[in-house]
Amino acid sequence: MNAQVLSDAVWAALAAVVVAAVAASHLSRLRLERLSVVMRRIEANRAGYVAVLLGWMWLGWHFFAR
């Protein structure tokens, strides 16, 4: 197993956890906040908004600019 395969496996696992958390917040009575509520709270102040913006820029650069 090389580093690329390991990295892809980690990202796939993180994506699966996020999808499972979103599904659980919509389908069950667990006390999980919906993703939209979490993002609204993060983006409520300028530092959070800038962090989200920089995160999207980093993600775009690393996944779509190849």
Protein backbone atom coordinates (compact mmCIF):
# COMPACT_ATOMS: atom_id res chain seq x y z
CA MET A 1 0.00 0.00 0.00
CA ASN A 2 1.48 3.32 -1.01
CA ALA A 3 0.84 6.79 0.40
CA GLN A 4 -1.69 7.73 -2.29
CA VAL A 5 -3.90 4.73 -1.56
CA LEU A 6 -3.70 5.39 2.18
CA SER A 7 -4.56 9.06 1.69
CA ASP A 8 -7.52 8.21 -0.52
CA ALA A 9 -8.75 5.68 2.05
CA VAL A 10 -8.58 8.28 4.84
CA TRP A 11 -10.50 10.85 2.76
CA ALA A 12 -13.11 8.23 1.82
CA ALA A 13 -13.54 7.28 5.48
CA LEU A 14 -13.98 10.94 6.49
CA ALA A 15 -16.54 11.44 3.72
CA ALA A 16 -18.43 8.34 4.89
CA VAL A 17 -18.50 9.66 8.47
CA VAL A 18 -19.88 13.01 7.28
CA VAL A 19 -22.56 11.35 5.14
CA ALA A 20 -23.54 9.08 8.03
CA ALA A 21 -23.77 12.04 10.43
CA VAL A 22 -25.92 14.03 7.99
CA ALA A 23 -28.19 11.03 7.44
CA ALA A 24 -28.47 10.42 11.18
CA SER A 25 -29.33 14.07 11.84
CA HIS A 26 -32.16 13.93 9.30
CA LEU A 27 -33.54 10.46 9.92
CA SER A 28 -33.31 9.79 13.63
CA ARG A 29 -34.10 11.44 16.90
CA LEU A 30 -30.45 11.75 17.87
CA ARG A 31 -29.44 15.13 19.16
CA LEU A 32 -27.23 15.91 16.18
CA GLU A 33 -27.38 19.34 14.59
CA ARG A 34 -27.99 19.50 10.87
CA LEU A 35 -25.01 20.45 8.74
CA SER A 36 -26.67 23.69 7.63
CA VAL A 37 -27.09 24.79 11.27
CA VAL A 38 -23.46 23.98 12.05
CA MET A 39 -22.25 25.93 9.00
CA ARG A 40 -24.45 28.91 9.91
CA ARG A 41 -22.94 28.95 13.41
CA ILE A 42 -19.39 28.70 12.07
CA GLU A 43 -19.96 31.43 9.50
CA ALA A 44 -21.67 33.73 12.03
CA ASN A 45 -18.40 35.53 12.72
CA ARG A 46 -15.80 36.77 10.28
CA ALA A 47 -13.02 34.40 11.39
CA GLY A 48 -15.23 31.36 10.83
CA TYR A 49 -16.33 32.66 7.46
CA VAL A 50 -12.72 33.19 6.37
CA ALA A 51 -11.76 29.71 7.66
CA VAL A 52 -14.56 28.09 5.63
CA LEU A 53 -13.60 30.11 2.56
CA LEU A 54 -9.94 29.12 2.88
CA GLY A 55 -10.95 25.50 3.43
CA TRP A 56 -12.99 25.48 0.20
CA MET A 57 -10.09 27.13 -1.64
CA TRP A 58 -7.66 24.50 -0.33
CA LEU A 59 -10.03 21.69 -1.23
CA GLY A 60 -10.55 23.07 -4.73
CA TRP A 61 -6.85 23.54 -5.30
CA HIS A 62 -5.93 20.03 -4.21
CA PHE A 63 -8.75 18.14 -5.91
CA PHE A 64 -9.66 20.11 -9.01
CA ALA A 65 -6.45 21.86 -10.11
CA ARG A 66 -4.57 18.79 -11.27
